[in-house]
N, C-alpha and C. Protein backbone atom coordinates (compact mmCIF):
# COMPACT_ATOMS: atom_id res chain seq x y z
N MET A 1 28.87 11.24 -52.61
CA MET A 1 28.14 12.41 -53.07
C MET A 1 28.77 13.64 -52.45
N GLY A 2 29.01 14.67 -53.27
CA GLY A 2 29.63 15.90 -52.77
C GLY A 2 28.62 16.80 -52.11
N PRO A 3 29.09 17.95 -51.59
CA PRO A 3 28.17 18.88 -50.95
C PRO A 3 27.17 19.45 -51.95
N VAL A 4 26.00 19.80 -51.46
CA VAL A 4 24.95 20.38 -52.30
C VAL A 4 25.25 21.85 -52.53
N GLN A 5 25.21 22.28 -53.78
CA GLN A 5 25.43 23.69 -54.10
C GLN A 5 24.11 24.43 -54.00
N ILE A 6 24.11 25.53 -53.30
CA ILE A 6 22.89 26.32 -53.10
C ILE A 6 22.96 27.52 -54.03
N THR A 7 22.00 27.63 -54.92
CA THR A 7 21.99 28.75 -55.86
C THR A 7 21.60 30.03 -55.14
N GLY A 8 22.16 31.15 -55.62
CA GLY A 8 21.82 32.45 -55.04
C GLY A 8 22.59 32.75 -53.76
N VAL A 9 23.58 31.93 -53.44
CA VAL A 9 24.36 32.13 -52.21
C VAL A 9 25.82 32.20 -52.62
N THR A 10 26.57 33.15 -52.06
CA THR A 10 27.98 33.32 -52.42
C THR A 10 28.79 32.12 -51.95
N ALA A 11 29.95 31.95 -52.56
CA ALA A 11 30.85 30.84 -52.18
C ALA A 11 31.25 30.97 -50.72
N GLN A 12 31.50 32.21 -50.26
CA GLN A 12 31.87 32.43 -48.87
C GLN A 12 30.76 31.96 -47.92
N GLU A 13 29.49 32.31 -48.26
CA GLU A 13 28.36 31.89 -47.42
C GLU A 13 28.21 30.38 -47.42
N GLN A 14 28.47 29.76 -48.58
CA GLN A 14 28.33 28.31 -48.66
C GLN A 14 29.35 27.61 -47.79
N THR A 15 30.56 28.13 -47.69
CA THR A 15 31.59 27.46 -46.89
C THR A 15 31.36 27.65 -45.41
N THR A 16 30.65 28.73 -45.01
CA THR A 16 30.40 28.95 -43.59
C THR A 16 29.12 28.28 -43.11
N ARG A 17 28.26 27.89 -44.01
CA ARG A 17 27.02 27.21 -43.62
C ARG A 17 27.27 25.74 -43.41
N GLN A 18 26.50 25.13 -42.54
CA GLN A 18 26.60 23.70 -42.33
C GLN A 18 26.06 22.99 -43.58
N THR A 19 26.81 22.05 -44.08
CA THR A 19 26.39 21.31 -45.25
C THR A 19 25.71 20.03 -44.79
N LEU A 20 24.46 19.86 -45.21
CA LEU A 20 23.71 18.67 -44.85
C LEU A 20 23.63 17.74 -46.05
N PRO A 21 23.85 16.46 -45.85
CA PRO A 21 23.78 15.54 -46.98
C PRO A 21 22.35 15.32 -47.43
N VAL A 22 22.19 15.05 -48.71
CA VAL A 22 20.90 14.64 -49.24
C VAL A 22 20.91 13.13 -49.27
N LEU A 23 19.96 12.51 -48.60
CA LEU A 23 19.92 11.06 -48.50
C LEU A 23 18.86 10.50 -49.43
N VAL A 24 19.24 9.44 -50.15
CA VAL A 24 18.29 8.74 -51.01
C VAL A 24 18.41 7.26 -50.75
N ASP A 25 17.32 6.52 -51.01
CA ASP A 25 17.39 5.07 -50.87
C ASP A 25 17.90 4.46 -52.16
N THR A 26 17.95 3.14 -52.22
CA THR A 26 18.50 2.46 -53.39
C THR A 26 17.68 2.67 -54.65
N SER A 27 16.41 3.11 -54.49
CA SER A 27 15.57 3.40 -55.65
C SER A 27 15.65 4.85 -56.08
N GLY A 28 16.44 5.64 -55.36
CA GLY A 28 16.57 7.05 -55.70
C GLY A 28 15.53 7.95 -55.08
N ARG A 29 14.72 7.42 -54.14
CA ARG A 29 13.71 8.24 -53.48
C ARG A 29 14.35 9.06 -52.37
N LEU A 30 13.90 10.31 -52.24
CA LEU A 30 14.42 11.21 -51.24
C LEU A 30 14.06 10.72 -49.85
N LEU A 31 15.02 10.73 -48.93
CA LEU A 31 14.81 10.35 -47.54
C LEU A 31 14.97 11.61 -46.72
N THR A 32 13.90 12.03 -46.03
CA THR A 32 13.97 13.22 -45.20
C THR A 32 13.95 12.83 -43.75
N VAL A 33 14.44 13.70 -42.89
CA VAL A 33 14.46 13.45 -41.46
C VAL A 33 13.48 14.39 -40.81
N GLY A 34 12.51 13.84 -40.08
CA GLY A 34 11.48 14.65 -39.44
C GLY A 34 11.80 14.90 -37.99
N ALA A 35 10.79 15.22 -37.22
CA ALA A 35 10.94 15.53 -35.80
C ALA A 35 11.45 14.32 -35.04
N ALA A 36 12.22 14.57 -34.03
CA ALA A 36 12.71 13.54 -33.11
C ALA A 36 13.43 12.41 -33.84
N GLY A 37 14.15 12.75 -34.93
CA GLY A 37 14.94 11.75 -35.62
C GLY A 37 14.14 10.77 -36.44
N GLU A 38 12.87 11.07 -36.71
CA GLU A 38 12.07 10.16 -37.51
C GLU A 38 12.54 10.17 -38.95
N ALA A 39 12.58 9.02 -39.59
CA ALA A 39 12.94 8.95 -41.00
C ALA A 39 11.68 8.76 -41.82
N HIS A 40 11.52 9.55 -42.87
CA HIS A 40 10.34 9.49 -43.72
C HIS A 40 10.79 9.21 -45.15
N LEU A 41 10.64 7.99 -45.58
CA LEU A 41 11.11 7.57 -46.88
C LEU A 41 10.08 7.91 -47.95
N GLY A 42 10.42 8.87 -48.82
CA GLY A 42 9.55 9.23 -49.92
C GLY A 42 8.21 9.81 -49.51
N GLU A 43 8.08 10.27 -48.27
CA GLU A 43 6.79 10.74 -47.78
C GLU A 43 6.63 12.22 -48.08
N VAL A 44 5.50 12.58 -48.68
CA VAL A 44 5.29 13.98 -49.07
C VAL A 44 3.93 14.49 -48.63
N GLY A 45 3.38 14.06 -47.56
CA GLY A 45 2.08 14.55 -47.14
C GLY A 45 1.82 14.22 -45.69
N GLY A 46 0.64 14.61 -45.22
CA GLY A 46 0.26 14.33 -43.86
C GLY A 46 -0.13 12.87 -43.66
N ILE A 47 -0.30 12.51 -42.42
CA ILE A 47 -0.70 11.15 -42.05
C ILE A 47 -2.13 11.24 -41.54
N ALA A 48 -3.00 10.41 -42.09
CA ALA A 48 -4.40 10.41 -41.64
C ALA A 48 -4.52 9.58 -40.38
N ASN A 49 -5.25 10.10 -39.42
CA ASN A 49 -5.47 9.40 -38.16
C ASN A 49 -6.96 9.51 -37.83
N VAL A 50 -7.53 8.41 -37.37
CA VAL A 50 -8.94 8.40 -36.96
C VAL A 50 -8.99 8.01 -35.48
N ILE A 51 -9.66 8.84 -34.70
CA ILE A 51 -9.80 8.58 -33.26
C ILE A 51 -11.27 8.33 -32.97
N ASP A 52 -11.57 7.16 -32.42
CA ASP A 52 -12.94 6.78 -32.08
C ASP A 52 -13.17 6.93 -30.58
N ILE A 53 -14.26 7.58 -30.23
CA ILE A 53 -14.65 7.78 -28.84
C ILE A 53 -16.10 7.32 -28.68
N THR A 54 -16.34 6.43 -27.71
CA THR A 54 -17.70 6.05 -27.34
C THR A 54 -17.90 6.47 -25.89
N PRO A 55 -18.44 7.67 -25.67
CA PRO A 55 -18.63 8.13 -24.29
C PRO A 55 -19.79 7.39 -23.63
N THR A 56 -19.78 7.37 -22.32
CA THR A 56 -20.91 6.83 -21.57
C THR A 56 -21.89 7.97 -21.35
N VAL A 57 -23.06 7.87 -21.99
CA VAL A 57 -24.07 8.93 -21.88
C VAL A 57 -25.19 8.49 -20.93
N SER A 58 -25.92 9.47 -20.43
CA SER A 58 -27.02 9.19 -19.51
C SER A 58 -28.28 8.83 -20.28
N THR A 59 -29.07 7.95 -19.70
CA THR A 59 -30.37 7.62 -20.27
C THR A 59 -31.51 8.29 -19.50
N SER A 60 -31.23 8.73 -18.29
CA SER A 60 -32.24 9.41 -17.48
C SER A 60 -31.51 10.19 -16.39
N PRO A 61 -31.92 11.43 -16.13
CA PRO A 61 -32.96 12.18 -16.82
C PRO A 61 -32.46 12.67 -18.17
N ALA A 62 -33.36 13.28 -18.93
CA ALA A 62 -32.98 13.86 -20.22
C ALA A 62 -31.97 14.97 -19.99
N TYR A 63 -31.13 15.20 -20.99
CA TYR A 63 -30.18 16.30 -20.91
C TYR A 63 -30.91 17.63 -20.99
N THR A 64 -30.32 18.63 -20.35
CA THR A 64 -30.80 20.00 -20.43
C THR A 64 -29.84 20.76 -21.33
N ALA A 65 -30.35 21.72 -22.07
CA ALA A 65 -29.46 22.54 -22.90
C ALA A 65 -28.36 23.13 -22.05
N GLY A 66 -27.11 22.98 -22.49
CA GLY A 66 -25.96 23.46 -21.74
C GLY A 66 -25.26 22.38 -20.95
N ASP A 67 -25.83 21.18 -20.90
CA ASP A 67 -25.20 20.06 -20.18
C ASP A 67 -24.07 19.45 -21.00
N ALA A 68 -23.04 18.99 -20.32
CA ALA A 68 -22.00 18.19 -20.97
C ALA A 68 -22.59 16.83 -21.29
N VAL A 69 -22.27 16.32 -22.47
CA VAL A 69 -22.78 15.02 -22.90
C VAL A 69 -21.63 14.02 -22.89
N GLY A 70 -21.69 13.06 -21.97
CA GLY A 70 -20.69 12.00 -21.95
C GLY A 70 -19.39 12.32 -21.24
N GLY A 71 -19.23 13.49 -20.70
CA GLY A 71 -17.99 13.82 -19.99
C GLY A 71 -16.85 14.18 -20.93
N LYS A 72 -15.70 14.44 -20.34
CA LYS A 72 -14.51 14.87 -21.10
C LYS A 72 -14.01 13.74 -21.99
N GLN A 73 -13.69 14.08 -23.25
CA GLN A 73 -13.14 13.11 -24.20
C GLN A 73 -11.63 13.31 -24.31
N THR A 74 -10.89 12.21 -24.28
CA THR A 74 -9.44 12.24 -24.42
C THR A 74 -9.08 11.75 -25.81
N LEU A 75 -8.47 12.62 -26.61
CA LEU A 75 -8.10 12.30 -27.98
C LEU A 75 -6.62 11.93 -27.99
N ALA A 76 -6.33 10.70 -27.57
CA ALA A 76 -4.94 10.23 -27.48
C ALA A 76 -4.33 10.14 -28.88
N SER A 77 -3.07 10.54 -28.98
CA SER A 77 -2.31 10.51 -30.24
C SER A 77 -2.96 11.34 -31.34
N ALA A 78 -3.63 12.42 -30.96
CA ALA A 78 -4.20 13.32 -31.97
C ALA A 78 -3.10 14.00 -32.77
N LEU A 79 -1.98 14.28 -32.10
CA LEU A 79 -0.82 14.86 -32.77
C LEU A 79 0.25 13.79 -32.89
N ARG A 80 1.01 13.83 -33.97
CA ARG A 80 2.02 12.80 -34.22
C ARG A 80 3.17 12.92 -33.24
N VAL A 81 3.58 14.15 -32.93
CA VAL A 81 4.66 14.39 -31.99
C VAL A 81 4.25 15.51 -31.04
N ALA A 82 4.88 15.57 -29.87
CA ALA A 82 4.61 16.65 -28.92
C ALA A 82 4.94 17.99 -29.57
N SER A 83 4.10 18.96 -29.35
CA SER A 83 4.20 20.30 -29.95
C SER A 83 4.02 20.27 -31.46
N GLY A 84 3.49 19.16 -31.98
CA GLY A 84 3.22 19.06 -33.41
C GLY A 84 1.91 19.74 -33.77
N THR A 85 1.61 19.71 -35.05
CA THR A 85 0.37 20.30 -35.52
C THR A 85 -0.40 19.29 -36.36
N ALA A 86 -1.66 19.56 -36.54
CA ALA A 86 -2.52 18.70 -37.35
C ALA A 86 -3.73 19.52 -37.76
N LEU A 87 -4.54 18.95 -38.64
CA LEU A 87 -5.81 19.55 -39.03
C LEU A 87 -6.94 18.61 -38.65
N LEU A 88 -7.93 19.13 -37.96
CA LEU A 88 -9.16 18.38 -37.74
C LEU A 88 -9.97 18.52 -39.01
N GLU A 89 -10.06 17.44 -39.77
CA GLU A 89 -10.70 17.46 -41.07
C GLU A 89 -12.19 17.13 -40.99
N SER A 90 -12.55 16.15 -40.13
CA SER A 90 -13.95 15.70 -40.10
C SER A 90 -14.32 15.17 -38.73
N ILE A 91 -15.62 15.17 -38.48
CA ILE A 91 -16.21 14.51 -37.31
C ILE A 91 -17.45 13.78 -37.78
N SER A 92 -17.53 12.50 -37.42
CA SER A 92 -18.75 11.73 -37.68
C SER A 92 -19.34 11.31 -36.35
N ILE A 93 -20.65 11.42 -36.27
CA ILE A 93 -21.36 11.03 -35.04
C ILE A 93 -22.38 9.97 -35.41
N THR A 94 -22.33 8.86 -34.72
CA THR A 94 -23.34 7.82 -34.88
C THR A 94 -24.26 7.90 -33.67
N ASP A 95 -25.54 8.05 -33.91
CA ASP A 95 -26.54 8.21 -32.85
C ASP A 95 -27.50 7.02 -32.92
N LEU A 96 -27.21 5.99 -32.14
CA LEU A 96 -28.02 4.77 -32.17
C LEU A 96 -29.42 4.98 -31.61
N GLY A 97 -29.59 6.04 -30.79
CA GLY A 97 -30.91 6.36 -30.23
C GLY A 97 -31.75 7.23 -31.14
N ASN A 98 -31.18 7.65 -32.29
CA ASN A 98 -31.89 8.46 -33.28
C ASN A 98 -32.45 9.75 -32.68
N GLN A 99 -31.69 10.36 -31.77
CA GLN A 99 -32.12 11.62 -31.16
C GLN A 99 -31.83 12.83 -32.04
N LYS A 100 -30.84 12.72 -32.90
CA LYS A 100 -30.44 13.81 -33.80
C LYS A 100 -30.27 15.13 -33.04
N ALA A 101 -29.58 15.06 -31.94
CA ALA A 101 -29.45 16.23 -31.06
C ALA A 101 -28.44 17.23 -31.60
N ALA A 102 -28.80 18.49 -31.56
CA ALA A 102 -27.85 19.56 -31.86
C ALA A 102 -26.82 19.60 -30.73
N LEU A 103 -25.55 19.72 -31.12
CA LEU A 103 -24.46 19.68 -30.14
C LEU A 103 -23.43 20.75 -30.47
N GLU A 104 -22.67 21.14 -29.48
CA GLU A 104 -21.47 21.95 -29.68
C GLU A 104 -20.29 21.09 -29.21
N ILE A 105 -19.27 20.94 -30.07
CA ILE A 105 -18.08 20.18 -29.71
C ILE A 105 -16.93 21.16 -29.59
N ILE A 106 -16.25 21.14 -28.46
CA ILE A 106 -15.17 22.08 -28.17
C ILE A 106 -13.87 21.28 -28.06
N ILE A 107 -12.83 21.72 -28.78
CA ILE A 107 -11.54 21.04 -28.77
C ILE A 107 -10.55 21.87 -27.96
N PHE A 108 -9.81 21.20 -27.06
CA PHE A 108 -8.85 21.86 -26.17
C PHE A 108 -7.43 21.40 -26.48
N ASP A 109 -6.46 22.30 -26.31
CA ASP A 109 -5.06 21.97 -26.59
C ASP A 109 -4.37 21.22 -25.45
N SER A 110 -4.97 21.22 -24.29
CA SER A 110 -4.44 20.48 -23.13
C SER A 110 -5.62 20.17 -22.21
N ASP A 111 -5.36 19.42 -21.16
CA ASP A 111 -6.43 18.93 -20.29
C ASP A 111 -7.20 20.10 -19.65
N PRO A 112 -8.49 20.21 -19.93
CA PRO A 112 -9.30 21.26 -19.30
C PRO A 112 -9.73 20.84 -17.89
N ALA A 113 -8.76 20.63 -17.03
CA ALA A 113 -9.01 20.08 -15.70
C ALA A 113 -9.83 21.02 -14.82
N ALA A 114 -9.76 22.32 -15.07
CA ALA A 114 -10.50 23.28 -14.24
C ALA A 114 -11.96 23.39 -14.67
N ALA A 115 -12.26 23.01 -15.91
CA ALA A 115 -13.63 23.10 -16.42
C ALA A 115 -14.51 22.02 -15.81
N THR A 116 -15.81 22.26 -15.81
CA THR A 116 -16.77 21.24 -15.40
C THR A 116 -17.29 20.55 -16.65
N ILE A 117 -16.85 19.31 -16.87
CA ILE A 117 -17.27 18.53 -18.03
C ILE A 117 -17.74 17.18 -17.50
N THR A 118 -18.79 17.23 -16.71
CA THR A 118 -19.36 16.04 -16.09
C THR A 118 -20.65 15.69 -16.82
N ASP A 119 -20.78 14.43 -17.20
CA ASP A 119 -21.96 14.01 -17.96
C ASP A 119 -23.25 14.42 -17.28
N ASN A 120 -24.16 15.00 -18.08
CA ASN A 120 -25.50 15.40 -17.64
C ASN A 120 -25.50 16.46 -16.55
N ALA A 121 -24.41 17.25 -16.50
CA ALA A 121 -24.33 18.40 -15.60
C ALA A 121 -23.96 19.62 -16.43
N ALA A 122 -24.29 20.79 -15.95
CA ALA A 122 -24.03 22.03 -16.70
C ALA A 122 -22.54 22.18 -16.98
N PHE A 123 -22.21 22.39 -18.25
CA PHE A 123 -20.82 22.64 -18.64
C PHE A 123 -20.41 24.01 -18.13
N ALA A 124 -19.17 24.13 -17.60
CA ALA A 124 -18.64 25.42 -17.16
C ALA A 124 -17.17 25.50 -17.54
N TRP A 125 -16.75 26.67 -18.04
CA TRP A 125 -15.37 26.86 -18.49
C TRP A 125 -14.35 26.91 -17.38
N SER A 126 -14.66 27.62 -16.30
CA SER A 126 -13.68 28.04 -15.31
C SER A 126 -12.60 28.84 -16.04
N THR A 127 -11.33 28.49 -15.89
CA THR A 127 -10.26 29.24 -16.56
C THR A 127 -9.82 28.57 -17.86
N ASP A 128 -10.46 27.49 -18.26
CA ASP A 128 -9.98 26.69 -19.39
C ASP A 128 -10.43 27.18 -20.76
N ILE A 129 -11.12 28.29 -20.82
CA ILE A 129 -11.50 28.83 -22.14
C ILE A 129 -10.25 29.22 -22.93
N THR A 130 -9.15 29.50 -22.25
CA THR A 130 -7.90 29.87 -22.93
C THR A 130 -7.25 28.66 -23.61
N LYS A 131 -7.73 27.45 -23.35
CA LYS A 131 -7.17 26.24 -23.96
C LYS A 131 -7.91 25.82 -25.23
N VAL A 132 -8.92 26.59 -25.63
CA VAL A 132 -9.75 26.20 -26.77
C VAL A 132 -9.00 26.37 -28.09
N LEU A 133 -9.01 25.31 -28.89
CA LEU A 133 -8.46 25.35 -30.25
C LEU A 133 -9.55 25.67 -31.27
N GLY A 134 -10.77 25.29 -30.97
CA GLY A 134 -11.88 25.54 -31.88
C GLY A 134 -13.14 24.85 -31.41
N HIS A 135 -14.24 25.18 -32.07
CA HIS A 135 -15.49 24.51 -31.74
C HIS A 135 -16.22 24.18 -33.04
N ILE A 136 -17.04 23.15 -32.97
CA ILE A 136 -17.80 22.68 -34.12
C ILE A 136 -19.27 22.62 -33.71
N THR A 137 -20.12 23.24 -34.50
CA THR A 137 -21.56 23.18 -34.27
C THR A 137 -22.14 22.03 -35.08
N VAL A 138 -22.86 21.15 -34.40
CA VAL A 138 -23.57 20.05 -35.05
C VAL A 138 -25.05 20.37 -34.96
N ALA A 139 -25.69 20.61 -36.09
CA ALA A 139 -27.12 20.94 -36.12
C ALA A 139 -27.95 19.68 -36.27
N ALA A 140 -29.19 19.74 -35.83
CA ALA A 140 -30.09 18.59 -35.99
C ALA A 140 -30.21 18.22 -37.47
N ALA A 141 -30.16 19.21 -38.35
CA ALA A 141 -30.28 18.96 -39.79
C ALA A 141 -29.05 18.27 -40.38
N ASP A 142 -27.95 18.18 -39.62
CA ASP A 142 -26.75 17.49 -40.10
C ASP A 142 -26.91 15.97 -40.08
N TYR A 143 -27.90 15.48 -39.36
CA TYR A 143 -28.11 14.03 -39.23
C TYR A 143 -29.02 13.51 -40.33
N VAL A 144 -28.82 12.25 -40.67
CA VAL A 144 -29.74 11.54 -41.54
C VAL A 144 -30.08 10.22 -40.83
N THR A 145 -31.35 9.82 -40.89
CA THR A 145 -31.77 8.56 -40.27
C THR A 145 -31.80 7.47 -41.33
N ILE A 146 -31.11 6.39 -41.04
CA ILE A 146 -31.10 5.21 -41.92
C ILE A 146 -31.36 4.00 -41.04
N ALA A 147 -32.40 3.24 -41.38
CA ALA A 147 -32.77 2.03 -40.64
C ALA A 147 -32.92 2.30 -39.14
N GLY A 148 -33.51 3.45 -38.81
CA GLY A 148 -33.84 3.75 -37.42
C GLY A 148 -32.72 4.31 -36.57
N GLU A 149 -31.53 4.54 -37.18
CA GLU A 149 -30.42 5.12 -36.44
C GLU A 149 -29.88 6.31 -37.24
N ALA A 150 -29.30 7.27 -36.54
CA ALA A 150 -28.89 8.52 -37.18
C ALA A 150 -27.38 8.63 -37.29
N VAL A 151 -26.94 9.29 -38.35
CA VAL A 151 -25.52 9.56 -38.57
C VAL A 151 -25.38 11.00 -39.04
N ALA A 152 -24.36 11.68 -38.51
CA ALA A 152 -24.01 13.03 -38.98
C ALA A 152 -22.53 13.04 -39.29
N THR A 153 -22.16 13.61 -40.43
CA THR A 153 -20.74 13.77 -40.78
C THR A 153 -20.50 15.20 -41.19
N LEU A 154 -19.57 15.85 -40.52
CA LEU A 154 -19.14 17.19 -40.87
C LEU A 154 -17.72 17.07 -41.40
N SER A 155 -17.49 17.53 -42.63
CA SER A 155 -16.17 17.41 -43.22
C SER A 155 -15.69 18.76 -43.72
N GLY A 156 -14.41 18.81 -44.10
CA GLY A 156 -13.82 20.07 -44.55
C GLY A 156 -13.69 21.08 -43.44
N LEU A 157 -13.53 20.63 -42.20
CA LEU A 157 -13.47 21.54 -41.05
C LEU A 157 -12.19 22.37 -41.05
N ASN A 158 -11.06 21.72 -41.35
CA ASN A 158 -9.76 22.40 -41.43
C ASN A 158 -9.44 23.27 -40.22
N ILE A 159 -9.66 22.71 -39.03
CA ILE A 159 -9.33 23.41 -37.79
C ILE A 159 -7.90 23.03 -37.40
N VAL A 160 -7.04 24.02 -37.25
CA VAL A 160 -5.65 23.77 -36.91
C VAL A 160 -5.56 23.34 -35.45
N LEU A 161 -4.86 22.22 -35.24
CA LEU A 161 -4.67 21.66 -33.90
C LEU A 161 -3.21 21.78 -33.51
N LYS A 162 -2.95 22.13 -32.27
CA LYS A 162 -1.59 22.17 -31.74
C LYS A 162 -1.66 22.02 -30.24
N GLY A 163 -0.74 21.26 -29.69
CA GLY A 163 -0.71 21.09 -28.25
C GLY A 163 0.70 20.79 -27.79
N ALA A 164 0.95 20.94 -26.49
CA ALA A 164 2.28 20.68 -25.95
C ALA A 164 2.58 19.19 -25.96
N ALA A 165 1.55 18.36 -25.86
CA ALA A 165 1.71 16.91 -25.89
C ALA A 165 0.98 16.38 -27.12
N THR A 166 0.94 15.07 -27.27
CA THR A 166 0.27 14.49 -28.43
C THR A 166 -1.23 14.30 -28.19
N THR A 167 -1.67 14.41 -26.94
CA THR A 167 -3.07 14.22 -26.59
C THR A 167 -3.82 15.55 -26.54
N LEU A 168 -4.99 15.58 -27.17
CA LEU A 168 -5.89 16.73 -27.08
C LEU A 168 -7.15 16.27 -26.36
N TYR A 169 -8.07 17.20 -26.11
CA TYR A 169 -9.28 16.89 -25.36
C TYR A 169 -10.48 17.55 -26.03
N ALA A 170 -11.66 17.00 -25.74
CA ALA A 170 -12.89 17.55 -26.31
C ALA A 170 -14.00 17.50 -25.27
N ALA A 171 -14.93 18.43 -25.42
CA ALA A 171 -16.15 18.43 -24.63
C ALA A 171 -17.32 18.55 -25.60
N VAL A 172 -18.39 17.84 -25.30
CA VAL A 172 -19.60 17.90 -26.11
C VAL A 172 -20.69 18.50 -25.22
N VAL A 173 -21.35 19.53 -25.73
CA VAL A 173 -22.37 20.24 -24.95
C VAL A 173 -23.70 20.16 -25.70
N ALA A 174 -24.75 19.78 -24.97
CA ALA A 174 -26.09 19.67 -25.56
C ALA A 174 -26.65 21.06 -25.84
N VAL A 175 -27.30 21.18 -26.99
CA VAL A 175 -28.02 22.41 -27.33
C VAL A 175 -29.50 22.23 -27.00
N GLY A 176 -30.00 21.01 -27.20
CA GLY A 176 -31.40 20.70 -26.90
C GLY A 176 -31.51 19.81 -25.68
N THR A 177 -32.50 18.91 -25.71
CA THR A 177 -32.77 18.05 -24.55
C THR A 177 -32.89 16.58 -24.99
N PRO A 178 -31.82 15.99 -25.51
CA PRO A 178 -31.91 14.60 -25.96
C PRO A 178 -32.09 13.62 -24.81
N THR A 179 -32.78 12.52 -25.09
CA THR A 179 -32.92 11.42 -24.14
C THR A 179 -32.45 10.16 -24.84
N TYR A 180 -31.30 9.66 -24.44
CA TYR A 180 -30.73 8.47 -25.09
C TYR A 180 -31.28 7.22 -24.43
N THR A 181 -31.38 6.15 -25.21
CA THR A 181 -31.98 4.91 -24.69
C THR A 181 -30.94 3.93 -24.15
N ALA A 182 -29.68 4.11 -24.52
CA ALA A 182 -28.61 3.25 -24.01
C ALA A 182 -27.38 4.11 -23.73
N THR A 183 -26.56 3.68 -22.80
CA THR A 183 -25.39 4.47 -22.42
C THR A 183 -24.33 4.52 -23.52
N THR A 184 -24.45 3.66 -24.52
CA THR A 184 -23.49 3.63 -25.63
C THR A 184 -24.11 4.14 -26.94
N ASP A 185 -25.15 4.95 -26.85
CA ASP A 185 -25.86 5.42 -28.04
C ASP A 185 -25.03 6.32 -28.94
N LEU A 186 -24.08 7.07 -28.39
CA LEU A 186 -23.30 8.01 -29.19
C LEU A 186 -21.89 7.49 -29.45
N LYS A 187 -21.44 7.66 -30.69
CA LYS A 187 -20.07 7.34 -31.05
C LYS A 187 -19.53 8.50 -31.89
N PHE A 188 -18.33 8.95 -31.54
CA PHE A 188 -17.69 10.06 -32.25
C PHE A 188 -16.45 9.54 -32.97
N ARG A 189 -16.27 9.97 -34.19
CA ARG A 189 -15.09 9.59 -34.98
C ARG A 189 -14.45 10.88 -35.50
N TYR A 190 -13.24 11.17 -35.01
CA TYR A 190 -12.50 12.37 -35.38
C TYR A 190 -11.50 12.02 -36.47
N GLY A 191 -11.58 12.67 -37.62
CA GLY A 191 -10.64 12.47 -38.72
C GLY A 191 -9.61 13.58 -38.70
N ILE A 192 -8.35 13.20 -38.47
CA ILE A 192 -7.27 14.17 -38.27
C ILE A 192 -6.17 13.93 -39.29
N LEU A 193 -5.69 15.02 -39.90
CA LEU A 193 -4.53 14.96 -40.79
C LEU A 193 -3.33 15.49 -40.02
N GLN A 194 -2.42 14.61 -39.67
CA GLN A 194 -1.26 15.00 -38.87
C GLN A 194 -0.12 15.49 -39.76
N ASN A 195 0.63 16.47 -39.26
CA ASN A 195 1.82 16.96 -39.97
C ASN A 195 3.04 16.21 -39.50
């Protein structure tokens, strides 16, 4: 296969530019090269990734508004490559205790090590507010109870994610005063579209 001709560019410019080959497989599908030498055969979209987190929550005493719920969450492999980008598309929360608690979920681009994100203790930013990528409000009305347990799904969030590494972090902050009956009552499912 000869060099690719670029329309709208003079012959002189074409000879001075680096010529990159166009690669196709035996079926004629375009083969592109992504970050870090990754090969993507016929791929034309993002990669869906689901991250499940089951934090250990307190059963006593009840949470106070402003308390961190379950401690810091580590969203491993949220990004496909270091310094990559993604979209947070959805969050689903399963509440086995049927508390239907209003929550604030905060997403960080790197470890918020200076913040206080200790379960059932007052959340505090310290200097880590500069690491925030976005926040999601979960209202009590977002939940539905089915067979004695509650589920909330927020979709179409389209929050742009970016971090220096592939791991992002999250904190969940209580708005009300939920009292969970088991330490595994809450489950979070983050739906991410990776670039």
